[in-house]
């Protein structure tokens, strides 16, 4: 349990670091030398302000200088990655596959956060995610690698066809490589459930957005789909829940 908790702490720390990179990439700010500051009053944050999860809870989500609200999404991101690292260790154990699993999660987090912020899926992180997930699957389940590659290729092809058939209106081009990486990470048995969960979660979110948006302002609402893909595939991977027994 102690080792699992250590991995949870590492997951939260690395999630916070990935969030900083996403905020600063392509902005001219350095994510290695520039200090973190409050978005409202620009006060330089100290070490006690930057403890993942703990700092947010202690300050109750407000800046200690100006009292402005600190987005709750930061707490959710750090806590979620802590949980994913904790459960990942419990699921995989201390093997050579574990660091590649964690690396895949961090690359996926970068892709998701960047897509939410800019509605763009960058090529380099996507390729790195696919490569890391492939190595993980090779080390974790070499006997099932062929079947995993088959399901991953089919799933990615379907999303690519969605993009081409709709001329980019129904699905972005960047979704297909993300699906490829997610399928490699989750494995063959979780690929179809992952796709289903992604669409179900996206549909529920869409209904909520429509219900909360005035009728005259509903046109042109753009929602990135990569976050739903990540949630759907991770749900299928971690729970093993399969609504289609035929593919279990």
C-alpha atoms as a PDB file:
ATOM      1  CA  UNK A   1       0.000   0.000   0.000  1.00  0.00           C
ATOM      2  CA  UNK A   2       2.864   2.384   0.828  1.00  0.00           C
ATOM      3  CA  UNK A   3       4.372   1.896  -2.635  1.00  0.00           C
ATOM      4  CA  UNK A   4       0.989   2.502  -4.250  1.00  0.00           C
ATOM      5  CA  UNK A   5       0.563   5.731  -2.274  1.00  0.00           C
ATOM      6  CA  UNK A   6       4.032   6.855  -3.338  1.00  0.00           C
ATOM      7  CA  UNK A   7       3.069   6.310  -6.959  1.00  0.00           C
ATOM      8  CA  UNK A   8      -0.154   8.257  -6.332  1.00  0.00           C
ATOM      9  CA  UNK A   9       1.898  11.198  -5.022  1.00  0.00           C
ATOM     10  CA  UNK A  10       4.208  10.990  -8.036  1.00  0.00           C
ATOM     11  CA  UNK A  11       1.183  10.963 -10.334  1.00  0.00           C
ATOM     12  CA  UNK A  12      -0.214  14.125  -8.760  1.00  0.00           C
ATOM     13  CA  UNK A  13       3.162  15.910  -8.965  1.00  0.00           C
ATOM     14  CA  UNK A  14       3.696  14.962 -12.598  1.00  0.00           C
ATOM     15  CA  UNK A  15       0.121  15.946 -13.485  1.00  0.00           C
ATOM     16  CA  UNK A  16       0.773  19.402 -12.046  1.00  0.00           C
ATOM     17  CA  UNK A  17       3.980  19.615 -14.084  1.00  0.00           C
ATOM     18  CA  UNK A  18       2.207  18.581 -17.284  1.00  0.00           C
ATOM     19  CA  UNK A  19      -0.398  21.269 -16.621  1.00  0.00           C
ATOM     20  CA  UNK A  20       2.354  23.885 -16.410  1.00  0.00           C
ATOM     21  CA  UNK A  21       3.826  22.717 -19.715  1.00  0.00           C
ATOM     22  CA  UNK A  22       0.428  22.923 -21.421  1.00  0.00           C
ATOM     23  CA  UNK A  23      -0.092  26.460 -20.120  1.00  0.00           C
ATOM     24  CA  UNK A  24       3.288  27.653 -21.385  1.00  0.00           C
ATOM     25  CA  UNK A  25       3.992  25.727 -24.587  1.00  0.00           C
ATOM     26  CA  UNK A  26       4.047  27.953 -27.687  1.00  0.00           C
ATOM     27  CA  UNK A  27       3.589  31.073 -25.512  1.00  0.00           C
ATOM     28  CA  UNK A  28       7.216  32.132 -25.221  1.00  0.00           C
ATOM     29  CA  UNK A  29       7.265  31.385 -21.482  1.00  0.00           C
ATOM     30  CA  UNK A  30       9.744  28.788 -20.261  1.00  0.00           C
ATOM     31  CA  UNK A  31       8.392  25.830 -18.331  1.00  0.00           C
ATOM     32  CA  UNK A  32      11.853  25.153 -16.886  1.00  0.00           C
ATOM     33  CA  UNK A  33      12.914  28.575 -15.556  1.00  0.00           C
ATOM     34  CA  UNK A  34       9.875  30.867 -15.255  1.00  0.00           C
ATOM     35  CA  UNK A  35       8.225  30.790 -11.823  1.00  0.00           C
ATOM     36  CA  UNK A  36       4.527  30.052 -11.388  1.00  0.00           C
ATOM     37  CA  UNK A  37       2.300  33.040 -10.611  1.00  0.00           C
ATOM     38  CA  UNK A  38      -1.325  33.724  -9.761  1.00  0.00           C
ATOM     39  CA  UNK A  39      -3.310  34.396 -12.933  1.00  0.00           C
ATOM     40  CA  UNK A  40      -5.152  37.276 -11.238  1.00  0.00           C
ATOM     41  CA  UNK A  41      -2.612  39.222  -9.147  1.00  0.00           C
ATOM     42  CA  UNK A  42       0.616  37.812 -10.673  1.00  0.00           C
ATOM     43  CA  UNK A  43       2.151  37.146  -7.252  1.00  0.00           C
ATOM     44  CA  UNK A  44       4.938  34.567  -7.412  1.00  0.00           C
ATOM     45  CA  UNK A  45       3.769  31.275  -5.929  1.00  0.00           C
ATOM     46  CA  UNK A  46       5.873  29.650  -3.229  1.00  0.00           C
ATOM     47  CA  UNK A  47       6.486  25.961  -2.564  1.00  0.00           C
ATOM     48  CA  UNK A  48       3.554  25.795  -0.143  1.00  0.00           C
ATOM     49  CA  UNK A  49       1.248  27.020  -2.920  1.00  0.00           C
ATOM     50  CA  UNK A  50       2.386  24.329  -5.330  1.00  0.00           C
ATOM     51  CA  UNK A  51       1.851  21.098  -3.416  1.00  0.00           C
ATOM     52  CA  UNK A  52      -0.469  19.064  -5.642  1.00  0.00           C
ATOM     53  CA  UNK A  53      -3.972  18.545  -4.215  1.00  0.00           C
ATOM     54  CA  UNK A  54      -2.876  19.562  -0.693  1.00  0.00           C
ATOM     55  CA  UNK A  55      -2.336  23.266  -1.479  1.00  0.00           C
ATOM     56  CA  UNK A  56      -5.743  23.573  -3.134  1.00  0.00           C
ATOM     57  CA  UNK A  57      -7.458  21.936  -0.165  1.00  0.00           C
ATOM     58  CA  UNK A  58      -5.607  24.043   2.432  1.00  0.00           C
ATOM     59  CA  UNK A  59      -6.409  27.335   0.691  1.00  0.00           C
ATOM     60  CA  UNK A  60      -9.934  26.121  -0.166  1.00  0.00           C
ATOM     61  CA  UNK A  61      -9.290  26.984  -3.776  1.00  0.00           C
ATOM     62  CA  UNK A  62      -8.458  30.676  -3.409  1.00  0.00           C
ATOM     63  CA  UNK A  63      -5.265  32.700  -3.861  1.00  0.00           C
ATOM     64  CA  UNK A  64      -3.779  33.589  -0.451  1.00  0.00           C
ATOM     65  CA  UNK A  65      -2.830  37.039  -1.774  1.00  0.00           C
ATOM     66  CA  UNK A  66      -5.821  38.359  -3.724  1.00  0.00           C
ATOM     67  CA  UNK A  67      -8.521  35.846  -2.830  1.00  0.00           C
ATOM     68  CA  UNK A  68      -9.347  34.993  -6.444  1.00  0.00           C
ATOM     69  CA  UNK A  69     -10.669  31.528  -7.178  1.00  0.00           C
ATOM     70  CA  UNK A  70      -8.221  28.826  -8.243  1.00  0.00           C
ATOM     71  CA  UNK A  71      -9.900  26.643 -10.899  1.00  0.00           C
ATOM     72  CA  UNK A  72     -11.222  23.393  -9.465  1.00  0.00           C
ATOM     73  CA  UNK A  73     -10.040  21.651 -12.633  1.00  0.00           C
ATOM     74  CA  UNK A  74      -6.485  21.792 -11.238  1.00  0.00           C
ATOM     75  CA  UNK A  75      -7.572  19.760  -8.229  1.00  0.00           C
ATOM     76  CA  UNK A  76      -9.468  17.314 -10.438  1.00  0.00           C
ATOM     77  CA  UNK A  77      -6.494  16.818 -12.781  1.00  0.00           C
ATOM     78  CA  UNK A  78      -4.008  16.193  -9.969  1.00  0.00           C
ATOM     79  CA  UNK A  79      -6.337  13.957  -7.966  1.00  0.00           C
ATOM     80  CA  UNK A  80      -7.345  11.975 -11.069  1.00  0.00           C
ATOM     81  CA  UNK A  81      -3.760  11.290 -12.100  1.00  0.00           C
ATOM     82  CA  UNK A  82      -2.937  10.275  -8.532  1.00  0.00           C
ATOM     83  CA  UNK A  83      -5.796   7.772  -8.696  1.00  0.00           C
ATOM     84  CA  UNK A  84      -4.700   6.502 -12.121  1.00  0.00           C
ATOM     85  CA  UNK A  85      -1.121   5.975 -10.913  1.00  0.00           C
ATOM     86  CA  UNK A  86      -2.343   4.272  -7.720  1.00  0.00           C
ATOM     87  CA  UNK A  87      -4.662   1.918  -9.620  1.00  0.00           C
ATOM     88  CA  UNK A  88      -2.093   1.396 -12.382  1.00  0.00           C
ATOM     89  CA  UNK A  89       0.461   0.071  -9.923  1.00  0.00           C
ATOM     90  CA  UNK A  90      -2.163  -2.182  -8.344  1.00  0.00           C
ATOM     91  CA  UNK A  91      -3.120  -3.511 -11.765  1.00  0.00           C
ATOM     92  CA  UNK A  92       0.337  -3.975 -13.319  1.00  0.00           C
ATOM     93  CA  UNK A  93       2.762  -4.286 -10.421  1.00  0.00           C
ATOM     94  CA  UNK A  94       6.470  -3.465 -10.418  1.00  0.00           C
ATOM     95  CA  UNK A  95       7.355  -4.602 -13.921  1.00  0.00           C
ATOM     96  CA  UNK A  96       9.177  -3.062 -16.866  1.00  0.00           C
ATOM     97  CA  UNK A  97       5.773  -2.288 -18.374  1.00  0.00           C
ATOM     98  CA  UNK A  98       4.765   0.030 -15.520  1.00  0.00           C
ATOM     99  CA  UNK A  99       6.919   3.090 -16.410  1.00  0.00           C
ATOM    100  CA  UNK A 100       5.661   2.979 -20.014  1.00  0.00           C
ATOM    101  CA  UNK A 101       2.093   2.805 -18.744  1.00  0.00           C
ATOM    102  CA  UNK A 102       2.681   5.879 -16.583  1.00  0.00           C
ATOM    103  CA  UNK A 103       4.416   7.680 -19.455  1.00  0.00           C
ATOM    104  CA  UNK A 104       1.445   6.940 -21.695  1.00  0.00           C
ATOM    105  CA  UNK A 105      -0.920   8.418 -19.099  1.00  0.00           C
ATOM    106  CA  UNK A 106       1.135  11.616 -18.870  1.00  0.00           C
ATOM    107  CA  UNK A 107       1.333  11.998 -22.649  1.00  0.00           C
ATOM    108  CA  UNK A 108      -2.416  11.422 -22.841  1.00  0.00           C
ATOM    109  CA  UNK A 109      -2.944  14.075 -20.171  1.00  0.00           C
ATOM    110  CA  UNK A 110      -0.930  16.580 -22.195  1.00  0.00           C
ATOM    111  CA  UNK A 111      -2.941  15.784 -25.327  1.00  0.00           C
ATOM    112  CA  UNK A 112      -6.255  16.130 -23.477  1.00  0.00           C
ATOM    113  CA  UNK A 113      -5.386  19.395 -21.719  1.00  0.00           C
ATOM    114  CA  UNK A 114      -3.966  20.953 -24.879  1.00  0.00           C
ATOM    115  CA  UNK A 115      -7.034  19.911 -26.862  1.00  0.00           C
ATOM    116  CA  UNK A 116      -9.334  21.433 -24.230  1.00  0.00           C
ATOM    117  CA  UNK A 117      -7.355  24.677 -24.270  1.00  0.00           C
ATOM    118  CA  UNK A 118      -6.737  25.025 -28.024  1.00  0.00           C
ATOM    119  CA  UNK A 119      -9.018  22.414 -29.702  1.00  0.00           C
ATOM    120  CA  UNK A 120      -5.919  21.077 -31.453  1.00  0.00           C
ATOM    121  CA  UNK A 121      -4.237  17.678 -31.202  1.00  0.00           C
ATOM    122  CA  UNK A 122      -0.495  18.106 -31.694  1.00  0.00           C
ATOM    123  CA  UNK A 123       1.317  15.534 -33.857  1.00  0.00           C
ATOM    124  CA  UNK A 124       4.466  15.002 -31.780  1.00  0.00           C
ATOM    125  CA  UNK A 125       2.728  14.145 -28.482  1.00  0.00           C
ATOM    126  CA  UNK A 126       0.323  11.858 -30.371  1.00  0.00           C
ATOM    127  CA  UNK A 127       3.165   9.926 -31.993  1.00  0.00           C
ATOM    128  CA  UNK A 128       4.967   9.697 -28.653  1.00  0.00           C
ATOM    129  CA  UNK A 129       1.756   8.454 -27.018  1.00  0.00           C
ATOM    130  CA  UNK A 130       1.293   5.750 -29.646  1.00  0.00           C
ATOM    131  CA  UNK A 131       4.919   4.620 -29.310  1.00  0.00           C
ATOM    132  CA  UNK A 132       4.770   4.513 -25.505  1.00  0.00           C
ATOM    133  CA  UNK A 133       1.471   2.611 -25.492  1.00  0.00           C
ATOM    134  CA  UNK A 134       2.862   0.131 -28.025  1.00  0.00           C
ATOM    135  CA  UNK A 135       5.935  -0.556 -25.894  1.00  0.00           C
ATOM    136  CA  UNK A 136       3.732  -0.968 -22.822  1.00  0.00           C
ATOM    137  CA  UNK A 137       1.515  -3.481 -24.588  1.00  0.00           C
ATOM    138  CA  UNK A 138       4.547  -5.340 -25.938  1.00  0.00           C
ATOM    139  CA  UNK A 139       5.959  -5.708 -22.429  1.00  0.00           C
ATOM    140  CA  UNK A 140       2.675  -6.328 -20.616  1.00  0.00           C
ATOM    141  CA  UNK A 141       0.801  -8.611 -23.024  1.00  0.00           C
ATOM    142  CA  UNK A 142       3.115  -9.825 -25.824  1.00  0.00           C
ATOM    143  CA  UNK A 143       0.932 -12.850 -26.580  1.00  0.00           C
ATOM    144  CA  UNK A 144      -2.073 -10.631 -27.362  1.00  0.00           C
ATOM    145  CA  UNK A 145      -0.133  -7.974 -29.285  1.00  0.00           C
ATOM    146  CA  UNK A 146      -1.358  -9.111 -32.697  1.00  0.00           C
ATOM    147  CA  UNK A 147      -5.026  -8.958 -31.694  1.00  0.00           C
ATOM    148  CA  UNK A 148      -4.483  -5.604 -29.986  1.00  0.00           C
ATOM    149  CA  UNK A 149      -2.881  -4.175 -33.123  1.00  0.00           C
ATOM    150  CA  UNK A 150      -5.800  -5.442 -35.199  1.00  0.00           C
ATOM    151  CA  UNK A 151      -8.453  -3.835 -32.979  1.00  0.00           C
ATOM    152  CA  UNK A 152      -6.429  -0.642 -32.654  1.00  0.00           C
ATOM    153  CA  UNK A 153      -6.016  -0.347 -36.401  1.00  0.00           C
ATOM    154  CA  UNK A 154      -9.711  -0.956 -37.030  1.00  0.00           C
ATOM    155  CA  UNK A 155     -10.813   1.563 -34.403  1.00  0.00           C
ATOM    156  CA  UNK A 156      -8.453   4.247 -35.690  1.00  0.00           C
ATOM    157  CA  UNK A 157      -9.586   3.566 -39.273  1.00  0.00           C
ATOM    158  CA  UNK A 158     -13.225   4.056 -38.312  1.00  0.00           C
ATOM    159  CA  UNK A 159     -12.456   7.443 -36.771  1.00  0.00           C
ATOM    160  CA  UNK A 160     -10.410   8.409 -39.806  1.00  0.00           C
ATOM    161  CA  UNK A 161     -13.350   7.512 -42.046  1.00  0.00           C
ATOM    162  CA  UNK A 162     -15.627   9.630 -39.833  1.00  0.00           C
ATOM    163  CA  UNK A 163     -13.292  12.550 -40.403  1.00  0.00           C
ATOM    164  CA  UNK A 164     -12.998  12.048 -44.155  1.00  0.00           C
ATOM    165  CA  UNK A 165     -16.694  11.317 -44.660  1.00  0.00           C
ATOM    166  CA  UNK A 166     -17.790  14.429 -42.781  1.00  0.00           C
ATOM    167  CA  UNK A 167     -14.955  16.564 -44.148  1.00  0.00           C
ATOM    168  CA  UNK A 168     -13.848  17.292 -40.621  1.00  0.00           C
ATOM    169  CA  UNK A 169     -17.250  18.439 -39.343  1.00  0.00           C
ATOM    170  CA  UNK A 170     -18.118  15.340 -37.283  1.00  0.00           C
ATOM    171  CA  UNK A 171     -14.643  14.282 -36.180  1.00  0.00           C
ATOM    172  CA  UNK A 172     -11.231  15.943 -36.111  1.00  0.00           C
ATOM    173  CA  UNK A 173      -8.244  14.407 -37.884  1.00  0.00           C
ATOM    174  CA  UNK A 174      -6.315  14.259 -34.597  1.00  0.00           C
ATOM    175  CA  UNK A 175      -8.867  11.930 -32.988  1.00  0.00           C
ATOM    176  CA  UNK A 176      -7.795   8.901 -35.076  1.00  0.00           C
ATOM    177  CA  UNK A 177      -4.186   8.692 -33.793  1.00  0.00           C
ATOM    178  CA  UNK A 178      -5.413   9.250 -30.236  1.00  0.00           C
ATOM    179  CA  UNK A 179      -7.816   6.326 -30.645  1.00  0.00           C
ATOM    180  CA  UNK A 180      -4.923   4.247 -31.983  1.00  0.00           C
ATOM    181  CA  UNK A 181      -2.834   5.014 -28.904  1.00  0.00           C
ATOM    182  CA  UNK A 182      -5.729   4.462 -26.507  1.00  0.00           C
ATOM    183  CA  UNK A 183      -6.559   1.114 -28.102  1.00  0.00           C
ATOM    184  CA  UNK A 184      -2.936   0.011 -27.763  1.00  0.00           C
ATOM    185  CA  UNK A 185      -2.882   1.102 -24.133  1.00  0.00           C
ATOM    186  CA  UNK A 186      -6.218  -0.471 -23.176  1.00  0.00           C
ATOM    187  CA  UNK A 187      -5.856  -3.666 -25.186  1.00  0.00           C
ATOM    188  CA  UNK A 188      -8.144  -5.486 -27.593  1.00  0.00           C
ATOM    189  CA  UNK A 189     -10.824  -6.406 -25.038  1.00  0.00           C
ATOM    190  CA  UNK A 190     -11.273  -2.768 -23.957  1.00  0.00           C
ATOM    191  CA  UNK A 191     -11.234  -1.144 -27.400  1.00  0.00           C
ATOM    192  CA  UNK A 192     -14.897  -1.502 -28.351  1.00  0.00           C
ATOM    193  CA  UNK A 193     -16.159  -0.732 -24.811  1.00  0.00           C
ATOM    194  CA  UNK A 194     -13.822   2.278 -24.770  1.00  0.00           C
ATOM    195  CA  UNK A 195     -15.329   3.627 -27.976  1.00  0.00           C
ATOM    196  CA  UNK A 196     -18.867   3.060 -26.705  1.00  0.00           C
ATOM    197  CA  UNK A 197     -18.190   4.731 -23.361  1.00  0.00           C
ATOM    198  CA  UNK A 198     -16.587   7.680 -25.138  1.00  0.00           C
ATOM    199  CA  UNK A 199     -19.680   8.336 -27.224  1.00  0.00           C
ATOM    200  CA  UNK A 200     -22.009   7.800 -24.255  1.00  0.00           C
ATOM    201  CA  UNK A 201     -20.072  10.225 -22.065  1.00  0.00           C
ATOM    202  CA  UNK A 202     -19.875  12.723 -24.913  1.00  0.00           C
ATOM    203  CA  UNK A 203     -23.613  12.426 -25.540  1.00  0.00           C
ATOM    204  CA  UNK A 204     -24.457  13.055 -21.877  1.00  0.00           C
ATOM    205  CA  UNK A 205     -22.137  16.057 -21.781  1.00  0.00           C
ATOM    206  CA  UNK A 206     -23.642  17.400 -24.998  1.00  0.00           C
ATOM    207  CA  UNK A 207     -27.169  17.152 -23.610  1.00  0.00           C
ATOM    208  CA  UNK A 208     -26.101  19.009 -20.470  1.00  0.00           C
ATOM    209  CA  UNK A 209     -24.464  21.773 -22.522  1.00  0.00           C
ATOM    210  CA  UNK A 210     -27.536  22.134 -24.732  1.00  0.00           C
ATOM    211  CA  UNK A 211     -29.828  22.243 -21.716  1.00  0.00           C
ATOM    212  CA  UNK A 212     -27.769  25.011 -20.107  1.00  0.00           C
ATOM    213  CA  UNK A 213     -27.302  27.060 -23.283  1.00  0.00           C
ATOM    214  CA  UNK A 214     -30.021  29.528 -24.415  1.00  0.00           C
ATOM    215  CA  UNK A 215     -31.655  28.502 -27.705  1.00  0.00           C
ATOM    216  CA  UNK A 216     -30.308  31.493 -29.586  1.00  0.00           C
ATOM    217  CA  UNK A 217     -26.706  30.660 -28.679  1.00  0.00           C
ATOM    218  CA  UNK A 218     -26.530  26.945 -29.506  1.00  0.00           C
ATOM    219  CA  UNK A 219     -25.121  27.294 -33.024  1.00  0.00           C
ATOM    220  CA  UNK A 220     -21.379  26.933 -33.408  1.00  0.00           C
ATOM    221  CA  UNK A 221     -20.711  25.197 -30.079  1.00  0.00           C
ATOM    222  CA  UNK A 222     -17.431  23.297 -30.512  1.00  0.00           C
ATOM    223  CA  UNK A 223     -16.552  20.580 -28.005  1.00  0.00           C
ATOM    224  CA  UNK A 224     -13.239  18.670 -28.269  1.00  0.00           C
ATOM    225  CA  UNK A 225     -13.834  14.913 -28.331  1.00  0.00           C
ATOM    226  CA  UNK A 226     -10.407  13.738 -27.144  1.00  0.00           C
ATOM    227  CA  UNK A 227     -11.286  14.192 -23.428  1.00  0.00           C
ATOM    228  CA  UNK A 228     -14.292  11.892 -23.877  1.00  0.00           C
ATOM    229  CA  UNK A 229     -12.110   9.348 -25.665  1.00  0.00           C
ATOM    230  CA  UNK A 230      -9.649   9.379 -22.786  1.00  0.00           C
ATOM    231  CA  UNK A 231     -12.402   9.000 -20.182  1.00  0.00           C
ATOM    232  CA  UNK A 232     -14.146   6.233 -22.104  1.00  0.00           C
ATOM    233  CA  UNK A 233     -11.051   4.123 -22.721  1.00  0.00           C
ATOM    234  CA  UNK A 234      -9.699   4.570 -19.191  1.00  0.00           C
ATOM    235  CA  UNK A 235     -13.084   3.581 -17.791  1.00  0.00           C
ATOM    236  CA  UNK A 236     -13.015   0.417 -19.898  1.00  0.00           C
ATOM    237  CA  UNK A 237      -9.392  -0.307 -18.966  1.00  0.00           C
ATOM    238  CA  UNK A 238      -9.629   0.181 -15.228  1.00  0.00           C
ATOM    239  CA  UNK A 239     -13.056  -1.325 -14.612  1.00  0.00           C
ATOM    240  CA  UNK A 240     -13.039  -4.121 -17.176  1.00  0.00           C
ATOM    241  CA  UNK A 241     -16.718  -3.328 -17.713  1.00  0.00           C
ATOM    242  CA  UNK A 242     -17.865  -4.542 -21.115  1.00  0.00           C
ATOM    243  CA  UNK A 243     -21.476  -3.861 -22.208  1.00  0.00           C
ATOM    244  CA  UNK A 244     -20.968  -6.255 -25.143  1.00  0.00           C
ATOM    245  CA  UNK A 245     -20.119  -9.761 -23.827  1.00  0.00           C
ATOM    246  CA  UNK A 246     -19.366 -10.852 -27.384  1.00  0.00           C
ATOM    247  CA  UNK A 247     -16.141  -8.823 -27.269  1.00  0.00           C
ATOM    248  CA  UNK A 248     -15.099  -9.677 -23.711  1.00  0.00           C
END
